[in-house]
N, C-alpha and C. Protein backbone atom coordinates (compact mmCIF):
# COMPACT_ATOMS: atom_id res chain seq x y z
N MET A 1 69.70 4.57 2.48
CA MET A 1 69.88 5.88 2.75
C MET A 1 68.43 6.62 2.79
N THR A 2 67.17 6.36 2.17
CA THR A 2 66.44 6.84 2.40
C THR A 2 65.64 6.96 3.37
N VAL A 3 65.60 5.68 4.21
CA VAL A 3 65.09 5.57 5.47
C VAL A 3 65.84 6.38 6.61
N VAL A 4 67.01 6.54 6.33
CA VAL A 4 67.59 7.48 7.49
C VAL A 4 67.68 8.82 7.35
N THR A 5 67.48 9.08 6.15
CA THR A 5 66.98 10.38 6.09
C THR A 5 65.42 10.84 6.36
N ASP A 6 64.66 10.07 5.99
CA ASP A 6 63.06 9.93 6.78
C ASP A 6 63.26 10.04 8.01
N ALA A 7 64.05 9.21 8.48
CA ALA A 7 64.14 9.10 10.10
C ALA A 7 64.55 10.36 10.50
N LEU A 8 65.88 11.24 10.13
CA LEU A 8 66.13 11.99 10.51
C LEU A 8 65.69 12.95 10.64
N ALA A 9 64.95 13.30 9.19
CA ALA A 9 63.80 14.32 9.18
C ALA A 9 62.76 14.40 10.26
N ALA A 10 62.20 13.37 10.36
CA ALA A 10 61.03 12.94 11.12
C ALA A 10 61.59 13.67 12.81
N VAL A 11 62.77 13.24 13.18
CA VAL A 11 63.45 13.83 14.39
C VAL A 11 63.35 14.74 14.86
N CYS A 12 63.90 15.64 13.46
CA CYS A 12 63.98 17.16 13.33
C CYS A 12 62.63 17.91 13.05
N LEU A 13 61.89 17.44 12.69
CA LEU A 13 60.20 17.59 12.60
C LEU A 13 59.75 17.91 13.96
N LEU A 14 60.04 16.48 14.52
CA LEU A 14 59.30 16.62 16.21
C LEU A 14 60.03 17.42 16.95
N LEU A 15 61.63 17.71 16.90
CA LEU A 15 62.27 18.63 17.95
C LEU A 15 61.88 19.91 17.37
N GLY A 16 61.39 20.63 16.18
CA GLY A 16 61.29 21.97 15.97
C GLY A 16 59.97 22.00 16.33
N ALA A 17 58.79 21.42 16.03
CA ALA A 17 57.48 21.27 16.66
C ALA A 17 57.58 21.41 17.99
N PHE A 18 58.27 20.42 18.94
CA PHE A 18 58.23 20.73 20.66
C PHE A 18 59.01 21.87 20.60
N PHE A 19 60.00 22.58 20.11
CA PHE A 19 60.14 23.65 20.57
C PHE A 19 59.54 25.06 19.86
N SER A 20 59.03 25.01 19.44
CA SER A 20 57.67 26.10 18.84
C SER A 20 56.63 25.72 19.56
N PHE A 21 56.21 24.67 20.24
CA PHE A 21 55.18 24.58 21.24
C PHE A 21 55.63 25.49 22.50
N SER A 22 56.81 24.97 22.95
CA SER A 22 57.44 25.49 24.29
C SER A 22 57.58 26.98 24.17
N ALA A 23 57.69 27.21 22.94
CA ALA A 23 57.76 29.09 23.14
C ALA A 23 56.80 29.69 22.98
N GLY A 24 55.38 29.00 22.52
CA GLY A 24 54.46 29.38 22.47
C GLY A 24 53.26 29.23 24.17
N LEU A 25 53.61 27.99 24.48
CA LEU A 25 53.36 27.78 26.02
C LEU A 25 53.96 28.77 26.96
N GLY A 26 55.25 29.02 26.86
CA GLY A 26 56.24 30.34 27.63
C GLY A 26 55.65 31.47 27.57
N VAL A 27 54.96 32.01 26.33
CA VAL A 27 54.39 33.07 26.31
C VAL A 27 52.84 33.28 26.85
N VAL A 28 52.40 31.94 27.23
CA VAL A 28 51.31 32.09 28.17
C VAL A 28 51.33 32.23 29.22
N ARG A 29 52.43 31.29 30.06
CA ARG A 29 52.73 30.95 31.03
C ARG A 29 53.87 32.26 32.03
N PHE A 30 54.57 32.51 31.05
CA PHE A 30 55.23 33.71 32.05
C PHE A 30 54.92 34.93 32.17
N ASP A 31 55.01 35.86 32.99
CA ASP A 31 54.53 36.94 33.35
C ASP A 31 55.16 38.36 33.10
N SER A 32 56.72 38.21 32.91
CA SER A 32 56.88 39.39 32.59
C SER A 32 57.04 39.34 31.30
N LEU A 33 57.54 40.68 30.89
CA LEU A 33 57.87 41.29 29.38
C LEU A 33 59.46 40.72 28.54
N LEU A 34 60.09 40.65 29.76
CA LEU A 34 61.90 40.19 29.27
C LEU A 34 61.34 38.49 29.51
N SER A 35 60.94 37.69 30.60
CA SER A 35 60.52 36.52 30.33
C SER A 35 59.87 36.40 29.02
N ARG A 36 59.15 36.82 28.72
CA ARG A 36 58.35 36.37 27.28
C ARG A 36 58.96 36.79 26.43
N LEU A 37 59.95 37.66 26.47
CA LEU A 37 60.62 38.13 24.73
C LEU A 37 61.95 37.11 25.20
N HIS A 38 62.35 36.82 25.80
CA HIS A 38 63.22 35.51 25.42
C HIS A 38 62.62 34.33 25.46
N VAL A 39 61.89 33.84 25.84
CA VAL A 39 61.14 32.39 25.15
C VAL A 39 60.22 32.26 24.09
N VAL A 40 60.03 33.64 23.35
CA VAL A 40 60.01 33.81 22.10
C VAL A 40 61.23 33.99 21.23
N ALA A 41 62.21 34.38 21.44
CA ALA A 41 63.23 34.63 20.61
C ALA A 41 63.76 33.26 20.84
N LYS A 42 64.40 32.53 21.59
CA LYS A 42 65.46 31.62 21.71
C LYS A 42 64.74 30.41 21.03
N PRO A 43 63.65 29.66 21.85
CA PRO A 43 63.41 28.58 21.10
C PRO A 43 62.43 28.40 19.97
N GLN A 44 62.00 29.37 19.87
CA GLN A 44 61.02 29.29 18.54
C GLN A 44 62.30 29.40 17.24
N VAL A 45 63.00 30.54 17.77
CA VAL A 45 64.22 30.28 16.13
C VAL A 45 65.12 29.21 15.99
N LEU A 46 65.22 28.20 17.29
CA LEU A 46 65.53 27.20 17.32
C LEU A 46 64.66 26.02 16.81
N GLY A 47 63.11 26.13 17.06
CA GLY A 47 62.35 25.30 16.73
C GLY A 47 62.16 25.48 15.40
N LEU A 48 61.97 26.72 14.99
CA LEU A 48 61.90 26.89 13.02
C LEU A 48 63.29 26.21 12.37
N LEU A 49 64.39 26.68 13.26
CA LEU A 49 65.57 26.07 12.05
C LEU A 49 65.65 24.61 12.34
N LEU A 50 65.29 24.06 13.16
CA LEU A 50 65.00 22.20 13.07
C LEU A 50 63.60 21.89 11.92
N LEU A 51 62.57 22.69 11.67
CA LEU A 51 61.86 22.70 11.26
C LEU A 51 61.93 22.43 10.00
N LEU A 52 62.72 23.53 9.53
CA LEU A 52 63.56 23.82 8.11
C LEU A 52 64.37 22.82 7.33
N ALA A 53 64.60 22.43 8.91
CA ALA A 53 66.13 21.33 8.44
C ALA A 53 65.36 20.24 8.12
N GLY A 54 64.22 20.03 8.84
CA GLY A 54 63.52 18.78 8.77
C GLY A 54 62.60 18.65 6.97
N VAL A 55 62.19 19.75 6.54
CA VAL A 55 61.76 19.96 5.49
C VAL A 55 62.83 19.76 4.62
N ALA A 56 63.73 20.33 4.71
CA ALA A 56 64.86 19.99 3.33
C ALA A 56 65.55 18.82 3.23
N LEU A 57 65.47 18.10 4.14
CA LEU A 57 65.98 16.60 4.49
C LEU A 57 64.55 15.74 3.93
N ARG A 58 63.74 16.15 3.96
CA ARG A 58 62.80 15.57 3.51
C ARG A 58 62.24 15.39 1.86
N LEU A 59 62.93 17.08 1.85
CA LEU A 59 62.29 17.30 -0.09
C LEU A 59 63.74 16.67 -0.89
N ARG A 60 64.79 16.88 0.00
CA ARG A 60 65.89 16.51 -0.81
C ARG A 60 65.70 17.16 -2.76
N ASP A 61 65.63 18.38 -2.25
CA ASP A 61 65.69 19.20 -3.53
C ASP A 61 66.61 20.44 -3.23
N THR A 62 67.62 20.58 -4.50
CA THR A 62 68.73 21.67 -4.25
C THR A 62 67.82 22.87 -4.25
N GLY A 63 66.99 23.15 -5.20
CA GLY A 63 65.95 24.52 -4.92
C GLY A 63 65.16 24.76 -3.81
N SER A 64 64.85 23.57 -3.22
CA SER A 64 63.92 24.08 -1.71
C SER A 64 64.84 24.03 -1.14
N ALA A 65 65.99 23.66 -0.86
CA ALA A 65 66.52 23.46 0.30
C ALA A 65 66.97 25.19 0.23
N SER A 66 67.80 25.54 -0.81
CA SER A 66 68.60 26.95 -0.72
C SER A 66 67.16 27.98 -0.17
N MET A 67 65.87 27.73 -0.67
CA MET A 67 65.30 28.60 -0.50
C MET A 67 64.69 28.39 1.42
N LEU A 68 65.30 27.30 1.50
CA LEU A 68 64.77 27.33 3.50
C LEU A 68 65.81 27.56 3.43
N VAL A 69 67.19 27.54 3.24
CA VAL A 69 68.53 28.42 3.71
C VAL A 69 68.12 29.78 4.04
N LEU A 70 67.60 30.54 3.14
CA LEU A 70 67.29 31.79 2.77
C LEU A 70 66.23 32.01 4.06
N VAL A 71 65.42 31.14 4.07
CA VAL A 71 64.11 31.89 5.07
C VAL A 71 64.80 31.83 6.84
N ALA A 72 65.78 30.55 6.66
CA ALA A 72 66.73 30.56 7.79
C ALA A 72 67.33 31.90 8.35
N VAL A 73 68.32 32.41 7.54
CA VAL A 73 69.41 33.34 7.48
C VAL A 73 68.30 34.43 7.75
N PHE A 74 67.61 34.79 6.95
CA PHE A 74 66.59 35.67 7.49
C PHE A 74 65.83 36.22 8.63
N GLN A 75 65.77 34.75 9.27
CA GLN A 75 65.11 34.70 10.64
C GLN A 75 66.24 34.93 11.69
N LEU A 76 67.30 34.18 11.58
CA LEU A 76 68.47 34.89 12.17
C LEU A 76 68.76 36.16 12.24
N LEU A 77 68.78 36.72 11.22
CA LEU A 77 68.90 38.26 10.91
C LEU A 77 67.71 38.89 11.95
N THR A 78 66.64 38.69 11.68
CA THR A 78 65.39 39.40 12.28
C THR A 78 64.98 39.58 13.48
N SER A 79 65.21 37.93 14.13
CA SER A 79 64.47 37.94 15.48
C SER A 79 65.55 38.42 16.43
N PRO A 80 66.40 38.59 16.61
CA PRO A 80 67.14 39.36 17.68
C PRO A 80 67.33 40.90 17.37
N VAL A 81 67.06 41.60 16.57
CA VAL A 81 66.80 42.70 16.06
C VAL A 81 65.47 43.14 16.43
N ALA A 82 64.57 42.21 16.45
CA ALA A 82 62.91 42.53 16.54
C ALA A 82 62.69 42.13 18.22
N ALA A 83 63.26 41.40 18.74
CA ALA A 83 63.26 40.76 20.33
C ALA A 83 63.96 42.38 21.09
N HIS A 84 64.88 43.00 20.67
CA HIS A 84 65.65 43.78 21.17
C HIS A 84 64.84 45.38 20.85
N MET A 85 64.54 45.29 19.85
CA MET A 85 63.34 46.61 19.50
C MET A 85 61.94 46.28 20.84
N VAL A 86 61.25 45.39 20.77
CA VAL A 86 60.38 45.12 21.86
C VAL A 86 60.66 45.37 23.38
N GLY A 87 62.22 44.39 23.33
CA GLY A 87 62.67 44.96 25.05
C GLY A 87 63.04 46.37 25.24
N ARG A 88 63.33 47.38 24.12
CA ARG A 88 63.19 48.87 24.29
C ARG A 88 62.36 49.44 24.37
N ALA A 89 61.04 48.94 23.56
CA ALA A 89 60.10 49.87 23.61
C ALA A 89 58.92 49.40 25.05
N GLY A 90 59.26 48.18 25.71
CA GLY A 90 58.68 47.78 26.58
C GLY A 90 59.02 48.76 27.95
N LEU A 91 60.64 48.64 27.83
CA LEU A 91 61.62 49.88 28.90
C LEU A 91 61.02 51.11 28.75
N ARG A 92 60.68 51.50 27.63
CA ARG A 92 60.05 52.81 27.56
C ARG A 92 58.89 53.26 27.94
N THR A 93 58.31 52.54 27.99
CA THR A 93 56.58 52.42 28.28
C THR A 93 56.33 52.44 29.33
N GLY A 94 57.26 51.74 29.99
CA GLY A 94 56.89 51.16 31.54
C GLY A 94 56.56 49.85 31.85
N LYS A 95 56.52 48.83 30.83
CA LYS A 95 55.94 47.60 31.08
C LYS A 95 57.10 46.13 31.56
N VAL A 96 58.34 47.17 32.14
CA VAL A 96 59.31 46.53 32.34
C VAL A 96 59.66 47.39 33.87
N ASP A 97 59.96 46.59 35.01
CA ASP A 97 60.22 47.30 35.83
C ASP A 97 61.91 47.05 35.80
N PRO A 98 62.03 48.41 36.63
CA PRO A 98 63.75 48.48 36.66
C PRO A 98 64.01 48.01 37.59
N ALA A 99 63.55 47.43 38.82
CA ALA A 99 64.28 46.80 39.75
C ALA A 99 64.46 45.81 39.62
N GLN A 100 64.18 44.96 38.63
CA GLN A 100 64.40 43.75 38.25
C GLN A 100 65.27 43.46 37.39
N LEU A 101 65.96 44.21 37.10
CA LEU A 101 67.16 44.40 36.02
C LEU A 101 68.31 44.38 37.12
N VAL A 102 69.56 43.95 36.53
CA VAL A 102 70.58 43.69 37.19
C VAL A 102 71.52 44.90 36.31
N TYR A 103 71.41 45.49 35.49
CA TYR A 103 72.07 46.47 34.81
C TYR A 103 71.10 47.13 33.83
N ASP A 104 70.79 48.37 33.74
CA ASP A 104 70.49 48.98 32.63
C ASP A 104 71.12 49.65 31.90
N ASP A 105 71.41 49.09 30.50
CA ASP A 105 71.74 49.98 29.58
C ASP A 105 71.15 51.20 29.05
N ALA A 106 69.75 51.18 29.22
CA ALA A 106 69.10 52.40 28.70
C ALA A 106 69.35 53.83 29.20
N ARG A 107 69.70 53.83 30.76
CA ARG A 107 69.95 54.61 31.38
C ARG A 107 71.62 54.85 31.12
N PRO A 108 71.93 56.50 31.12
CA PRO A 108 72.99 56.73 31.35
C PRO A 108 73.65 56.04 32.58
N GLY A 109 75.52 55.69 32.54
CA GLY A 109 75.72 54.99 33.24
C GLY A 109 75.28 53.75 33.73
N GLY A 110 73.95 53.43 33.60
CA GLY A 110 73.35 52.32 34.02
C GLY A 110 73.01 52.35 35.65
N ARG A 111 73.23 51.15 35.89
CA ARG A 111 73.00 50.97 37.43
C ARG A 111 73.89 49.32 37.55
N PRO A 112 74.80 49.42 38.81
CA PRO A 112 75.79 48.96 38.67
C PRO A 112 75.03 47.63 39.78
N THR A 113 75.73 46.38 40.03
CA THR A 113 75.04 45.13 40.14
C THR A 113 75.28 45.33 41.47
N ASP A 114 74.12 44.67 42.46
CA ASP A 114 74.13 44.64 44.04
C ASP A 114 75.20 43.92 44.29
N ASP A 115 76.05 42.95 43.71
CA ASP A 115 77.04 41.92 44.24
C ASP A 115 78.24 42.62 44.11
N ALA A 116 78.47 43.39 42.99
CA ALA A 116 80.00 44.10 43.10
C ALA A 116 79.83 45.27 44.18
């Protein structure tokens, strides 16, 4: 059974490292603030959760696993809030081009989509 859990831990660690690396690569490669914000918020969180799952599987300790669950919960709670605040700050400081937005919730009434 330990071989199976070690293999599963290795898969989780490798996938987590891949998603975290892709988040870092996306920050370097993407040009707009909102694109960078998306690539940091989504794959980075998934990569961290996979890394935490791999570490928990590898350690096989209840105390360590409970601490890793707390780290995962706090990451899931804070990452969307931080991404939202960075997006709002970018919109308010002019770092986001309003012409690229389909609908702008920051403006009163927003801007309807061109398709409707």
